[in-house]
Amino acid sequence: MKFGDLLREASRALRASPSRTVLTALGIIVGTMALTLILSLSLGLARVIDDLVASDEQLRHVVVMPGFGRQASDGRSTPTVAGEMDDLKRQRLQRTLLKRSRGGPPFQMRSRVIDADTETWLRAMPGIEQSRAFLQERFEVSLVPTGDAPAAATAPDDPSAPKRPPMIGLTLGAPAEHPYYPGRVIAGRWFKSDDEKGVVVHEILLWKMGLTSDDAQKALVGRTVHFVARKAAGGLAGMFFGGGAGPSNAPVAYELDLPILGVIRERFGEERATVIEEAWAMQADMFVAQGFARELWDKQPGRGGPQSMLLVARDLADVERIEKEIQERGLEVRTVREAVEGLKKGLSIVTVVASVLAGIALFVSALGIVNTLVMSVLERTREIGLLKALGATDGDVASIFLVEAGLLGLGGGVLGAALGFGLALVGDVIGRRMVEETFLMPFKGNLFQFPWWLALGALGFALVTSLLAAVLPTLRAARIDPVKALRHE
């Protein structure tokens, strides 16, 4: 039989039972749509991760923090326990070493800090392109009044009025040659050198001071800010105060006045940034030049090394080696590479589980195809016998039913992929709105990715599933004895 004849015969058979055909195709449509949406969302989220986090620059970032000594390995590999003992004891010791390699609670003292020697060693490691210490301080801040401008964030002149608490500002040391921060300066300028003595103030601190308008903030450039640093607390208090200025009742460590060089705003929209630096600057009210920040850091009596350091590897291939060498020294390491791998691994697991559920839906639809074709074979037994009596071969009969299944799979796959694409467009609109409402900034990316191969793959999967489901009913139809079929009632 010609393909056109097979197509007409298969179409006629499907139209003969419209309700059954629609219900069978509906299962294929739902399964294909679900599978398409799941994979589209997975591709979209992976793309967002790559765009926002997994750039080559960020994957070369390594954060070093105080650790728990040499036993602090990567916290994942099984420790080796040598010696004569039973398996149960060996497992207990391995379990203990594994737990301790992961560190302890936040209030547990770190046995390996970033002292001067360690900092020098980290900066001199082979393969390091840049290094930067995380230097963060808390100060009591106020604007120094001028002849025509009152002080801000100070107590009212009326002695009977309740005294306002001092404004607390958090500073962060930043390099003068920074790829992103200078572009966010909205008034004045960024630092000219790492040793420049001045401050770039975040607009949020000025807003807290009551200076809300752009003109009022721009007018502050050139004004002086008075800083009061309290003696840093040690022990548990130091932990809660982050190693910076102590509580307001602590003795004064030092005071200084700094000119305002500029006003900076927060990252907004899809501006370029790095995850680690954005995390460091999340609570920063003011920025000081990196070299001057170190000078202020060393003003606190008895202070040790920095709380953490950012190392930038020269090449992506060096990151894993650098990470292992630092861990061997007993320090903790966090890398963007590790975070990205964890995110993508979790995303892959969720995608696989969801895809299995969508596959179950397609499997159920395949059972519907089997049922549809089996019923069709039973109802058309005499017709099959007549076709064979007129010269149709077993292959012709099998082809008719395979074309029927193919039409079901093709039609269901096309509609399922089309619905998936339409829902992906709607999901993108809703998803972007949710992201913007959650993070309070514009988001123009796509949470769903719908490449051409995904549509063709979903269509092909639906078609193959339908054809495989039709194999047994097709073989049954092809083996029907035409003599017995003509006697069938």
Protein backbone atom coordinates (compact mmCIF):
# COMPACT_ATOMS: atom_id res chain seq x y z
CA MET A 1 0.00 0.00 0.00
CA LYS A 2 1.13 3.52 -0.76
CA PHE A 3 1.89 5.87 2.12
CA GLY A 4 -1.00 8.10 1.12
CA ASP A 5 -3.41 5.17 1.37
CA LEU A 6 -1.97 4.23 4.76
CA LEU A 7 -2.38 7.81 5.96
CA ARG A 8 -6.00 8.01 4.80
CA GLU A 9 -6.88 4.66 6.38
CA ALA A 10 -5.22 5.55 9.68
CA SER A 11 -6.91 8.96 9.77
CA ARG A 12 -10.31 7.39 9.04
CA ALA A 13 -9.82 4.93 11.91
CA LEU A 14 -8.91 7.68 14.36
CA ARG A 15 -11.93 9.79 13.31
CA ALA A 16 -14.20 6.81 13.82
CA SER A 17 -13.63 6.99 17.61
CA PRO A 18 -13.10 10.69 18.33
CA SER A 19 -13.57 10.51 22.11
CA ARG A 20 -11.06 7.71 22.54
CA THR A 21 -8.60 9.42 20.18
CA VAL A 22 -8.81 12.74 22.03
CA LEU A 23 -8.35 11.13 25.46
CA THR A 24 -5.35 9.13 24.23
CA ALA A 25 -3.77 12.17 22.60
CA LEU A 26 -4.41 14.21 25.75
CA GLY A 27 -2.05 11.99 27.74
CA ILE A 28 0.70 12.52 25.15
CA ILE A 29 0.05 16.27 25.13
CA VAL A 30 0.28 16.59 28.93
CA GLY A 31 3.38 14.40 29.19
CA THR A 32 5.19 16.21 26.38
CA MET A 33 4.22 19.62 27.76
CA ALA A 34 5.43 18.72 31.28
CA LEU A 35 8.71 17.31 30.02
CA THR A 36 9.29 20.34 27.79
CA LEU A 37 8.58 22.81 30.60
CA ILE A 38 10.82 20.99 33.08
CA LEU A 39 13.78 20.84 30.71
CA SER A 40 13.17 24.42 29.56
CA LEU A 41 13.22 25.68 33.16
CA SER A 42 16.34 23.64 33.94
CA LEU A 43 18.14 25.08 30.92
CA GLY A 44 17.01 28.59 31.85
CA LEU A 45 18.17 28.36 35.47
CA ALA A 46 21.50 26.88 34.38
CA ARG A 47 21.90 29.81 31.97
CA VAL A 48 21.10 32.31 34.73
CA ILE A 49 23.71 30.66 36.98
CA ASP A 50 26.28 30.82 34.19
CA ASP A 51 25.49 34.45 33.39
CA LEU A 52 25.46 35.71 36.98
CA VAL A 53 27.99 33.49 38.72
CA ALA A 54 29.93 31.13 36.51
CA SER A 55 32.04 33.58 34.55
CA ASP A 56 35.71 32.69 34.19
CA GLU A 57 36.63 35.65 36.40
CA GLN A 58 34.44 34.53 39.28
CA LEU A 59 35.37 30.85 39.00
CA ARG A 60 38.96 31.90 39.68
CA HIS A 61 38.02 33.45 43.04
CA VAL A 62 39.09 31.68 46.22
CA VAL A 63 38.05 32.89 49.67
CA VAL A 64 40.32 31.93 52.57
CA MET A 65 39.07 31.98 56.18
CA PRO A 66 40.45 30.90 59.55
CA GLY A 67 40.25 27.12 60.01
CA PHE A 68 40.47 24.37 62.58
CA GLY A 69 44.00 23.18 61.86
CA ARG A 70 45.52 20.55 59.61
CA GLN A 71 42.76 18.05 60.30
CA ALA A 72 40.37 20.39 58.47
CA SER A 73 40.45 18.74 55.07
CA ASP A 74 37.78 19.29 52.47
CA GLY A 75 35.16 17.83 54.83
CA ARG A 76 33.93 15.43 52.15
CA SER A 77 36.50 12.70 51.44
CA THR A 78 36.68 9.68 53.75
CA PRO A 79 39.69 9.95 56.13
CA THR A 80 42.22 7.14 56.25
CA VAL A 81 42.47 5.37 59.62
CA ALA A 82 45.43 3.01 59.86
CA GLY A 83 46.19 0.50 62.62
CA GLU A 84 44.95 -2.80 63.99
CA MET A 85 41.28 -2.53 64.97
CA ASP A 86 37.90 -3.95 64.07
CA ASP A 87 35.77 -2.44 61.31
CA LEU A 88 33.30 -0.86 63.72
CA LYS A 89 36.02 1.08 65.54
CA ARG A 90 37.59 2.13 62.24
CA GLN A 91 34.24 3.48 61.07
CA ARG A 92 33.76 5.36 64.35
CA LEU A 93 37.18 7.01 64.04
CA GLN A 94 36.57 7.85 60.39
CA ARG A 95 33.24 9.37 61.32
CA THR A 96 34.85 11.46 64.07
CA LEU A 97 37.62 12.72 61.77
CA LEU A 98 35.11 13.53 59.06
CA LYS A 99 32.95 15.55 61.47
CA ARG A 100 35.91 17.46 62.85
CA SER A 101 37.25 18.19 59.39
CA ARG A 102 34.05 20.13 58.74
CA GLY A 103 34.78 22.51 61.59
CA GLY A 104 32.54 23.42 64.48
CA PRO A 105 29.89 25.88 65.60
CA PRO A 106 30.35 29.62 65.00
CA PHE A 107 31.51 30.23 68.59
CA GLN A 108 34.22 27.55 68.45
CA MET A 109 37.69 29.07 68.39
CA ARG A 110 39.57 28.61 65.13
CA SER A 111 42.96 27.10 65.75
CA ARG A 112 44.44 28.38 62.48
CA VAL A 113 44.08 32.11 61.85
CA ILE A 114 45.31 34.34 59.04
CA ASP A 115 48.31 35.84 60.80
CA ALA A 116 51.02 37.95 59.15
CA ASP A 117 53.09 34.95 58.06
CA THR A 118 50.06 33.16 56.66
CA GLU A 119 48.95 36.27 54.80
CA THR A 120 52.40 36.65 53.27
CA TRP A 121 52.39 32.99 52.25
CA LEU A 122 48.94 33.30 50.67
CA ARG A 123 49.92 36.35 48.63
CA ALA A 124 53.09 34.60 47.41
CA MET A 125 51.42 31.34 46.37
CA PRO A 126 52.22 30.22 42.82
CA GLY A 127 49.40 30.95 40.40
CA ILE A 128 47.94 33.90 42.36
CA GLU A 129 47.16 36.92 40.20
CA GLN A 130 45.60 39.18 42.85
CA SER A 131 45.00 39.09 46.60
CA ARG A 132 42.88 41.23 48.84
CA ALA A 133 42.23 41.16 52.58
CA PHE A 134 38.69 41.55 53.88
CA LEU A 135 38.96 44.61 56.13
CA GLN A 136 35.71 45.73 57.70
CA GLU A 137 35.29 48.21 60.55
CA ARG A 138 32.45 49.76 62.53
CA PHE A 139 32.59 53.44 63.44
CA GLU A 140 30.38 55.99 65.12
CA VAL A 141 29.99 58.60 62.39
CA SER A 142 28.70 62.16 62.16
CA LEU A 143 29.07 65.04 59.76
CA VAL A 144 31.36 67.80 60.96
CA PRO A 145 29.31 71.04 60.88
CA THR A 146 30.44 73.96 58.76
CA GLY A 147 29.51 77.63 58.92
CA ASP A 148 26.41 77.20 56.78
CA ALA A 149 25.70 73.48 57.22
CA PRO A 150 24.57 71.81 60.44
CA ALA A 151 25.88 68.47 61.67
CA ALA A 152 23.89 65.39 60.84
CA ALA A 153 23.23 62.37 63.01
CA THR A 154 24.05 64.29 66.20
CA ALA A 155 22.01 65.03 69.28
CA PRO A 156 19.68 68.06 69.16
CA ASP A 157 20.91 71.31 70.73
CA ASP A 158 18.01 71.29 73.19
CA PRO A 159 19.42 69.70 76.39
CA SER A 160 15.93 68.55 77.39
CA ALA A 161 15.49 66.56 74.19
CA PRO A 162 16.35 62.87 74.33
CA LYS A 163 19.81 62.15 73.01
CA ARG A 164 19.95 60.26 69.75
CA PRO A 165 22.18 57.19 69.65
CA PRO A 166 25.32 57.58 67.54
CA MET A 167 25.04 56.65 63.89
CA ILE A 168 26.95 53.44 63.28
CA GLY A 169 28.60 53.07 59.89
CA LEU A 170 30.30 49.97 58.53
CA THR A 171 33.35 50.59 56.34
CA LEU A 172 34.93 48.23 53.82
CA GLY A 173 38.36 48.46 52.27
CA ALA A 174 38.28 48.47 48.46
CA PRO A 175 41.01 48.82 45.82
CA ALA A 176 41.32 52.04 43.86
CA GLU A 177 41.48 50.08 40.61
CA HIS A 178 38.13 48.36 40.93
CA PRO A 179 36.25 47.15 37.85
CA TYR A 180 32.73 47.96 39.09
CA TYR A 181 32.56 50.36 42.04
CA PRO A 182 33.72 53.53 40.23
CA GLY A 183 30.84 53.12 37.76
CA ARG A 184 28.35 53.29 40.63
CA VAL A 185 29.56 56.62 41.98
CA ILE A 186 26.69 59.10 41.62
CA ALA A 187 28.48 62.17 43.01
CA GLY A 188 32.12 63.07 43.42
CA ARG A 189 34.69 60.41 42.54
CA TRP A 190 36.26 57.08 43.50
CA PHE A 191 39.73 56.73 45.07
CA LYS A 192 42.78 57.74 43.07
CA SER A 193 45.14 55.46 45.00
CA ASP A 194 45.00 52.68 47.58
CA ASP A 195 46.51 54.98 50.22
CA GLU A 196 44.20 57.96 49.72
CA LYS A 197 42.73 59.18 53.00
CA GLY A 198 39.06 59.80 52.30
CA VAL A 199 35.73 58.07 52.29
CA VAL A 200 33.14 57.23 49.64
CA VAL A 201 29.76 57.17 51.35
CA HIS A 202 26.89 54.91 50.39
CA GLU A 203 23.64 56.73 49.68
CA ILE A 204 21.85 54.51 52.22
CA LEU A 205 23.87 56.02 55.09
CA LEU A 206 23.03 59.52 53.91
CA TRP A 207 19.38 58.54 53.73
CA LYS A 208 19.59 57.32 57.34
CA MET A 209 21.04 60.72 58.23
CA GLY A 210 18.00 62.40 56.69
CA LEU A 211 19.74 63.58 53.53
CA THR A 212 17.40 62.11 50.95
CA SER A 213 17.53 64.28 47.83
CA ASP A 214 20.18 63.98 45.13
CA ASP A 215 21.11 67.64 45.52
CA ALA A 216 21.57 67.29 49.29
CA GLN A 217 23.78 64.24 48.81
CA LYS A 218 25.86 65.84 46.05
CA ALA A 219 26.40 68.89 48.27
CA LEU A 220 28.15 66.66 50.81
CA VAL A 221 31.13 65.99 48.53
CA GLY A 222 34.06 67.76 50.16
CA ARG A 223 32.44 67.83 53.61
CA THR A 224 34.13 66.10 56.55
CA VAL A 225 32.97 63.01 58.43
CA HIS A 226 34.02 62.44 62.04
CA PHE A 227 34.85 58.84 62.93
CA VAL A 228 34.98 57.36 66.42
CA ALA A 229 36.43 53.85 66.74
CA ARG A 230 35.79 51.94 69.95
CA LYS A 231 38.24 49.35 71.17
CA ALA A 232 37.47 46.03 69.55
CA ALA A 233 36.13 43.37 71.87
CA GLY A 234 37.75 39.95 72.03
CA GLY A 235 36.34 36.49 72.57
CA LEU A 236 32.64 35.98 72.08
CA ALA A 237 31.99 39.74 72.02
CA GLY A 238 34.50 40.07 69.22
CA MET A 239 32.66 37.42 67.31
CA PHE A 240 29.35 39.24 67.61
CA PHE A 241 30.91 42.60 66.71
CA GLY A 242 32.74 41.11 63.71
CA GLY A 243 36.20 42.15 64.83
CA GLY A 244 35.40 45.81 64.23
CA ALA A 245 34.55 48.58 66.67
CA GLY A 246 33.28 47.49 70.03
CA PRO A 247 29.99 48.45 71.71
CA SER A 248 29.18 52.11 72.34
CA ASN A 249 30.27 51.90 76.00
CA ALA A 250 33.73 50.55 75.11
CA PRO A 251 36.73 52.88 75.44
CA VAL A 252 37.62 55.00 72.43
CA ALA A 253 40.49 53.50 70.43
CA TYR A 254 40.97 56.50 68.14
CA GLU A 255 39.14 59.30 66.33
CA LEU A 256 39.72 60.85 62.93
CA ASP A 257 38.17 63.19 60.36
CA LEU A 258 37.96 62.19 56.69
CA PRO A 259 36.75 64.14 53.64
CA ILE A 260 33.87 62.76 51.59
CA LEU A 261 35.25 61.99 48.15
CA GLY A 262 32.05 60.70 46.61
CA VAL A 263 28.66 59.07 46.99
CA ILE A 264 28.10 55.54 45.73
CA ARG A 265 24.91 53.59 45.07
CA GLU A 266 24.05 49.90 45.25
CA ARG A 267 24.38 47.52 42.31
CA PHE A 268 21.12 47.64 40.38
CA GLY A 269 19.59 45.55 37.60
CA GLU A 270 21.94 43.32 35.64
CA GLU A 271 25.09 45.37 36.18
CA ARG A 272 28.30 43.39 36.28
CA ALA A 273 29.46 42.21 39.68
CA THR A 274 31.19 39.35 41.45
CA VAL A 275 29.40 37.24 44.03
CA ILE A 276 32.11 37.37 46.68
CA GLU A 277 32.65 41.13 46.56
CA GLU A 278 28.91 41.77 46.57
CA ALA A 279 28.59 39.57 49.66
CA TRP A 280 31.42 41.46 51.36
CA ALA A 281 29.89 44.84 50.50
CA MET A 282 26.33 43.83 51.37
CA GLN A 283 26.25 45.80 54.65
CA ALA A 284 28.88 48.44 53.78
CA ASP A 285 27.85 52.03 54.53
CA MET A 286 31.19 53.53 53.50
CA PHE A 287 34.23 52.55 51.48
CA VAL A 288 37.84 53.46 52.21
CA ALA A 289 40.86 52.75 50.03
CA GLN A 290 42.38 49.31 50.61
CA GLY A 291 45.78 50.51 51.84
CA PHE A 292 44.25 53.09 54.17
CA ALA A 293 41.80 50.44 55.42
CA ARG A 294 44.79 48.34 56.47
CA GLU A 295 46.24 51.32 58.31
CA LEU A 296 42.97 51.74 60.23
CA TRP A 297 42.80 47.99 60.86
CA ASP A 298 46.24 48.04 62.49
CA LYS A 299 45.27 50.97 64.75
CA GLN A 300 43.25 48.63 66.94
CA PRO A 301 45.52 47.34 69.73
CA GLY A 302 46.16 43.61 69.82
CA ARG A 303 44.46 42.94 66.52
CA GLY A 304 45.50 39.95 64.41
CA GLY A 305 45.20 39.26 60.73
CA PRO A 306 42.19 39.82 58.48
CA GLN A 307 38.94 37.93 58.89
CA SER A 308 39.25 36.48 55.39
CA MET A 309 41.08 36.98 52.12
CA LEU A 310 40.14 36.91 48.47
CA LEU A 311 42.63 35.26 46.13
CA VAL A 312 42.23 35.41 42.36
CA ALA A 313 43.94 32.57 40.51
CA ARG A 314 45.79 33.38 37.33
CA ASP A 315 44.22 30.43 35.54
CA LEU A 316 41.11 28.37 36.15
CA ALA A 317 43.21 25.19 36.15
CA ASP A 318 45.11 26.49 39.22
CA VAL A 319 42.04 26.85 41.46
CA GLU A 320 41.80 23.24 42.63
CA ARG A 321 45.53 23.06 43.41
CA ILE A 322 45.41 26.35 45.34
CA GLU A 323 42.39 25.14 47.26
CA LYS A 324 44.12 21.90 48.31
CA GLU A 325 47.33 23.65 49.37
CA ILE A 326 45.40 26.07 51.57
CA GLN A 327 43.38 23.26 53.15
CA GLU A 328 46.61 21.40 53.88
CA ARG A 329 47.64 24.42 55.95
CA GLY A 330 44.50 24.03 58.06
CA LEU A 331 42.53 26.99 56.70
CA GLU A 332 38.98 26.98 55.39
CA VAL A 333 38.39 27.60 51.71
CA ARG A 334 35.29 28.65 49.79
CA THR A 335 35.26 28.94 46.01
CA VAL A 336 32.69 30.09 43.49
CA ARG A 337 33.53 26.96 41.50
CA GLU A 338 32.42 24.78 44.39
CA ALA A 339 29.23 26.80 44.87
CA VAL A 340 28.36 26.63 41.15
CA GLU A 341 28.97 22.89 41.07
CA GLY A 342 26.70 22.46 44.11
CA LEU A 343 23.97 24.59 42.54
CA LYS A 344 24.12 22.74 39.25
CA LYS A 345 24.21 19.36 40.98
CA GLY A 346 21.10 20.24 42.98
CA LEU A 347 19.42 21.56 39.83
CA SER A 348 20.29 18.35 37.97
CA ILE A 349 18.80 16.20 40.73
CA VAL A 350 15.57 18.20 40.74
CA THR A 351 15.43 18.07 36.93
CA VAL A 352 15.91 14.30 36.87
CA VAL A 353 13.20 13.72 39.48
CA ALA A 354 10.75 16.03 37.72
CA SER A 355 11.59 14.49 34.35
CA VAL A 356 10.89 11.02 35.74
CA LEU A 357 7.47 12.24 36.85
CA ALA A 358 6.85 13.66 33.38
CA GLY A 359 8.07 10.36 31.92
CA ILE A 360 5.50 8.55 34.04
CA ALA A 361 2.83 10.73 32.47
CA LEU A 362 4.09 9.72 29.03
CA PHE A 363 4.18 6.07 30.10
CA VAL A 364 0.54 6.32 31.15
CA SER A 365 -0.26 7.85 27.79
CA ALA A 366 1.60 4.96 26.13
CA LEU A 367 -0.67 2.55 27.98
CA GLY A 368 -3.57 4.56 26.58
CA ILE A 369 -2.20 4.06 23.07
CA VAL A 370 -1.88 0.32 23.69
CA ASN A 371 -5.47 0.20 24.91
CA THR A 372 -6.70 2.29 21.99
CA LEU A 373 -5.01 0.12 19.37
CA VAL A 374 -6.00 -3.16 21.03
CA MET A 375 -9.62 -2.04 21.06
CA SER A 376 -9.23 -0.92 17.46
CA VAL A 377 -7.88 -4.35 16.46
CA LEU A 378 -10.81 -6.10 18.16
CA GLU A 379 -13.39 -3.79 16.59
CA ARG A 380 -11.85 -4.03 13.10
CA THR A 381 -11.13 -7.76 12.97
CA ARG A 382 -13.53 -8.34 10.04
CA GLU A 383 -12.13 -5.27 8.29
CA ILE A 384 -8.57 -6.63 8.68
CA GLY A 385 -9.71 -9.98 7.29
CA LEU A 386 -11.32 -8.25 4.31
CA LEU A 387 -8.15 -6.25 3.63
CA LYS A 388 -6.08 -9.45 3.64
CA ALA A 389 -8.61 -11.20 1.40
CA LEU A 390 -8.21 -8.32 -1.08
CA GLY A 391 -4.43 -8.77 -1.12
CA ALA A 392 -3.12 -6.73 1.80
CA THR A 393 -0.01 -8.25 3.37
CA ASP A 394 0.82 -8.54 7.08
CA GLY A 395 3.18 -5.62 6.57
CA ASP A 396 0.40 -3.48 5.12
CA VAL A 397 -1.85 -4.18 8.10
CA ALA A 398 0.99 -3.48 10.54
CA SER A 399 1.79 -0.24 8.74
CA ILE A 400 -1.78 1.01 9.14
CA PHE A 401 -1.65 0.67 12.93
CA LEU A 402 1.87 2.07 13.18
CA VAL A 403 0.74 5.13 11.19
CA GLU A 404 -2.23 5.51 13.57
CA ALA A 405 0.15 5.47 16.55
CA GLY A 406 2.49 7.83 14.73
CA LEU A 407 -0.31 10.31 14.09
CA LEU A 408 -1.27 10.20 17.77
CA GLY A 409 2.34 10.74 18.86
CA LEU A 410 3.05 13.41 16.26
CA GLY A 411 -0.14 15.36 16.94
CA GLY A 412 0.21 15.06 20.73
CA GLY A 413 3.90 15.97 20.58
CA VAL A 414 3.30 19.07 18.44
CA LEU A 415 0.47 20.30 20.67
CA GLY A 416 2.42 19.44 23.86
CA ALA A 417 5.55 21.25 22.69
CA ALA A 418 3.48 24.24 21.55
CA LEU A 419 1.66 24.43 24.88
CA GLY A 420 4.99 24.07 26.70
CA PHE A 421 6.42 26.97 24.68
CA GLY A 422 3.37 29.11 25.41
CA LEU A 423 3.47 28.35 29.13
CA ALA A 424 7.21 29.04 29.14
CA LEU A 425 6.53 32.54 27.77
CA VAL A 426 3.92 33.11 30.48
CA GLY A 427 6.28 31.63 33.09
CA ASP A 428 9.02 34.03 32.02
CA VAL A 429 6.75 37.03 32.55
CA ILE A 430 5.62 35.78 35.97
CA GLY A 431 9.13 34.68 36.94
CA ARG A 432 10.71 38.01 36.03
CA ARG A 433 8.06 39.82 38.04
CA MET A 434 8.69 37.59 41.06
CA VAL A 435 12.46 38.10 40.79
CA GLU A 436 12.02 41.87 40.54
CA GLU A 437 9.66 41.94 43.51
CA THR A 438 11.96 39.72 45.57
CA PHE A 439 15.24 41.50 44.79
CA LEU A 440 13.74 44.97 44.14
CA MET A 441 15.59 45.53 40.88
CA PRO A 442 14.97 45.00 37.16
CA PHE A 443 15.58 41.54 35.73
CA LYS A 444 15.63 41.04 31.98
CA GLY A 445 16.87 37.46 31.83
CA ASN A 446 14.85 34.40 30.87
CA LEU A 447 14.02 31.72 33.42
CA PHE A 448 12.92 29.39 30.61
CA GLN A 449 15.13 28.52 27.65
CA PHE A 450 13.46 26.97 24.60
CA PRO A 451 16.11 26.06 21.99
CA TRP A 452 15.06 24.45 18.72
CA TRP A 453 16.55 21.10 19.65
CA LEU A 454 14.36 20.93 22.77
CA ALA A 455 11.19 21.25 20.67
CA LEU A 456 12.40 18.65 18.18
CA GLY A 457 13.57 16.37 20.98
CA ALA A 458 10.22 16.54 22.77
CA LEU A 459 8.42 15.86 19.49
CA GLY A 460 10.71 12.94 18.69
CA PHE A 461 10.32 11.50 22.18
CA ALA A 462 6.52 11.60 21.95
CA LEU A 463 6.63 9.98 18.49
CA VAL A 464 9.01 7.19 19.54
CA THR A 465 6.98 6.52 22.70
CA SER A 466 3.81 6.19 20.64
CA LEU A 467 5.43 3.85 18.09
CA LEU A 468 6.90 1.63 20.79
CA ALA A 469 3.51 1.43 22.50
CA ALA A 470 1.98 0.31 19.20
CA VAL A 471 4.34 -2.63 18.64
CA LEU A 472 2.34 -5.36 20.42
CA PRO A 473 -1.13 -4.34 19.08
CA THR A 474 0.39 -4.05 15.59
CA LEU A 475 1.89 -7.55 15.74
CA ARG A 476 -1.44 -8.88 16.94
CA ALA A 477 -3.27 -7.24 14.04
CA ALA A 478 -0.75 -8.49 11.47
CA ARG A 479 -1.08 -12.11 12.64
CA ILE A 480 -4.86 -12.28 12.31
CA ASP A 481 -6.01 -15.21 10.12
CA PRO A 482 -8.15 -13.70 7.34
CA VAL A 483 -10.49 -16.76 7.24
CA LYS A 484 -11.23 -16.55 10.96
CA ALA A 485 -11.46 -12.78 10.73
CA LEU A 486 -14.20 -12.90 8.07
CA ARG A 487 -16.24 -15.19 10.35
CA HIS A 488 -15.78 -12.84 13.29
CA GLU A 489 -18.95 -11.18 14.58
